[in-house]
Amino acid sequence: MSLSHLVTLLACVAATSALRCYTCSESTTVMNGEEVAADEKAVACAAGVNATCGDGEDACMTATLDLQIVYTSMQAGTINMETSVTLAKGCGSSLLTCDTLKTMYSAMITSSLEDGDSLTSVEVDNCDVDLCTEDDCNSAGIFTVSSLLMAVVAALYM
């Protein structure tokens, strides 16, 4: 195999390797004054997982935000929902901003409404989005099993 073939092969392998990001979510939701049970599928950040990003996901993100949603339900009338995302980490787009998050939430909520229901407003406050493009670059501040093991090993040799 020639050097040019090897360089081409390595370039193809590098181009196909997907970004890996730390993934977790912590939030609370209050609907019409009552706290709603947490999503059972959400992974707490203390027990977060490492995920391989999909097509179009070229950045790891860390986000915090407060979301206020008002919609009208044919059955229940006006619904006021407030969600405080204290921490969310995962794969995303390098184009992600607080404005695009608002647009994404609006579209997601609108698509989940039943016939006759209508979205009144979506507001995003106290929003902060940090992006990075290296594998696991959004894991800072997360106490993982590997850091626990390193601490135990260090304590053994002190």
Protein backbone atom coordinates (compact mmCIF):
# COMPACT_ATOMS: atom_id res chain seq x y z
CA MET A 1 0.00 0.00 0.00
CA SER A 2 1.39 3.37 -0.97
CA LEU A 3 1.61 6.35 1.35
CA SER A 4 -1.10 8.20 -0.58
CA HIS A 5 -3.48 5.23 -0.18
CA LEU A 6 -2.77 5.14 3.55
CA VAL A 7 -3.40 8.89 3.92
CA THR A 8 -6.68 8.54 1.99
CA LEU A 9 -7.76 5.60 4.14
CA LEU A 10 -6.97 7.47 7.37
CA ALA A 11 -8.86 10.53 6.11
CA CYS A 12 -11.92 8.38 5.41
CA VAL A 13 -11.77 6.78 8.86
CA ALA A 14 -11.39 10.19 10.51
CA ALA A 15 -14.33 11.58 8.53
CA THR A 16 -16.62 8.76 9.60
CA SER A 17 -15.80 8.73 13.30
CA ALA A 18 -18.72 10.26 15.17
CA LEU A 19 -18.47 12.76 17.97
CA ARG A 20 -19.14 11.42 21.48
CA CYS A 21 -20.77 13.60 24.13
CA TYR A 22 -21.71 13.27 27.77
CA THR A 23 -25.52 13.05 28.04
CA CYS A 24 -27.74 13.86 31.02
CA SER A 25 -30.71 15.98 32.02
CA GLU A 26 -31.98 17.47 35.26
CA SER A 27 -35.14 19.55 35.38
CA THR A 28 -38.33 20.29 37.28
CA THR A 29 -41.73 21.02 35.74
CA VAL A 30 -44.69 22.78 37.33
CA MET A 31 -48.05 22.70 35.54
CA ASN A 32 -50.80 25.03 36.81
CA GLY A 33 -49.01 25.30 40.15
CA GLU A 34 -48.41 21.58 40.72
CA GLU A 35 -45.07 19.82 40.26
CA VAL A 36 -45.13 17.15 37.57
CA ALA A 37 -43.31 13.85 38.03
CA ALA A 38 -39.84 13.75 36.48
CA ASP A 39 -39.33 12.01 33.15
CA GLU A 40 -38.41 8.40 33.92
CA LYS A 41 -36.19 8.27 30.83
CA ALA A 42 -34.05 11.23 31.93
CA VAL A 43 -30.53 10.37 33.04
CA ALA A 44 -29.34 12.31 36.10
CA CYS A 45 -26.02 14.05 35.58
CA ALA A 46 -24.38 12.18 38.47
CA ALA A 47 -25.06 8.97 36.51
CA GLY A 48 -24.77 10.41 32.99
CA VAL A 49 -23.82 8.35 29.99
CA ASN A 50 -21.59 8.82 27.01
CA ALA A 51 -23.47 8.88 23.69
CA THR A 52 -22.42 8.74 20.05
CA CYS A 53 -23.85 11.70 18.17
CA GLY A 54 -25.94 11.27 15.06
CA ASP A 55 -25.88 12.89 11.64
CA GLY A 56 -25.99 16.67 11.83
CA GLU A 57 -24.85 16.69 15.45
CA ASP A 58 -21.43 18.30 15.31
CA ALA A 59 -21.11 19.68 18.84
CA CYS A 60 -21.46 18.70 22.47
CA MET A 61 -23.71 21.06 24.38
CA THR A 62 -24.30 22.07 27.95
CA ALA A 63 -27.44 24.12 28.56
CA THR A 64 -29.50 25.63 31.34
CA LEU A 65 -32.79 27.46 30.84
CA ASP A 66 -36.18 28.35 32.23
CA LEU A 67 -39.09 27.68 29.91
CA GLN A 68 -42.62 29.10 30.28
CA ILE A 69 -45.30 27.62 28.06
CA VAL A 70 -48.95 28.66 27.86
CA TYR A 71 -51.40 26.72 25.74
CA THR A 72 -55.13 26.22 25.53
CA SER A 73 -56.60 22.76 25.77
CA MET A 74 -60.12 22.05 24.55
CA GLN A 75 -60.60 19.81 27.60
CA ALA A 76 -58.72 21.62 30.39
CA GLY A 77 -58.71 25.28 29.34
CA THR A 78 -55.57 27.39 29.71
CA ILE A 79 -52.49 25.46 30.82
CA ASN A 80 -49.49 27.27 32.33
CA MET A 81 -46.35 25.16 32.37
CA GLU A 82 -42.96 26.18 33.73
CA THR A 83 -39.89 24.03 33.30
CA SER A 84 -36.54 24.78 34.86
CA VAL A 85 -33.73 22.87 33.18
CA THR A 86 -31.00 23.06 35.78
CA LEU A 87 -28.60 21.11 33.58
CA ALA A 88 -28.79 19.39 30.19
CA LYS A 89 -25.87 17.88 28.33
CA GLY A 90 -25.78 16.01 25.06
CA CYS A 91 -25.21 16.03 21.33
CA GLY A 92 -26.33 19.02 19.31
CA SER A 93 -25.62 21.37 16.47
CA SER A 94 -22.90 23.97 16.50
CA LEU A 95 -25.67 26.37 15.43
CA LEU A 96 -27.64 25.85 18.68
CA THR A 97 -28.57 29.07 20.48
CA CYS A 98 -31.22 30.08 23.00
CA ASP A 99 -33.34 31.35 20.09
CA THR A 100 -33.11 28.01 18.26
CA LEU A 101 -34.02 26.22 21.51
CA LYS A 102 -37.17 28.36 21.74
CA THR A 103 -38.06 27.50 18.13
CA MET A 104 -37.41 23.78 18.76
CA TYR A 105 -39.58 23.75 21.92
CA SER A 106 -42.37 25.63 20.11
CA ALA A 107 -42.36 23.12 17.25
CA MET A 108 -42.19 20.13 19.60
CA ILE A 109 -45.10 21.38 21.73
CA THR A 110 -47.21 22.36 18.72
CA SER A 111 -46.77 18.91 17.18
CA SER A 112 -47.83 17.22 20.44
CA LEU A 113 -51.06 19.23 20.89
CA GLU A 114 -54.34 17.50 20.23
CA ASP A 115 -56.83 18.72 17.62
CA GLY A 116 -58.44 21.94 18.80
CA ASP A 117 -55.65 22.80 21.25
CA SER A 118 -53.51 25.87 20.57
CA LEU A 119 -50.14 27.17 21.69
CA THR A 120 -50.37 30.67 23.16
CA SER A 121 -46.74 31.42 24.03
CA VAL A 122 -43.29 29.97 24.62
CA GLU A 123 -40.76 32.04 26.54
CA VAL A 124 -37.15 31.09 27.27
CA ASP A 125 -35.40 32.89 30.13
CA ASN A 126 -32.10 32.53 31.98
CA CYS A 127 -30.75 30.59 29.03
CA ASP A 128 -27.12 29.62 28.67
CA VAL A 129 -25.78 27.32 25.94
CA ASP A 130 -22.14 26.26 25.79
CA LEU A 131 -20.86 24.27 22.82
CA CYS A 132 -17.63 22.37 22.18
CA THR A 133 -16.48 20.04 19.42
CA GLU A 134 -14.13 17.49 21.01
CA ASP A 135 -15.16 14.05 22.31
CA ASP A 136 -16.56 14.29 25.86
CA CYS A 137 -15.71 17.99 26.08
CA ASN A 138 -18.98 18.67 27.93
CA SER A 139 -18.24 16.35 30.85
CA ALA A 140 -16.57 19.02 33.00
CA GLY A 141 -17.98 19.27 36.48
CA ILE A 142 -19.39 15.76 36.35
CA PHE A 143 -18.28 13.34 39.03
CA THR A 144 -17.95 10.06 37.16
CA VAL A 145 -17.09 6.53 38.23
CA SER A 146 -13.63 6.90 36.70
CA SER A 147 -12.90 9.98 38.84
CA LEU A 148 -14.11 8.08 41.90
CA LEU A 149 -11.75 5.21 41.06
CA MET A 150 -8.83 7.60 40.61
CA ALA A 151 -9.57 9.16 44.01
CA VAL A 152 -9.66 5.74 45.68
CA VAL A 153 -6.38 4.68 44.05
CA ALA A 154 -4.73 7.96 45.05
CA ALA A 155 -5.93 7.54 48.65
CA LEU A 156 -4.48 4.03 48.78
CA TYR A 157 -1.00 5.27 47.87
CA MET A 158 -0.90 8.31 50.16
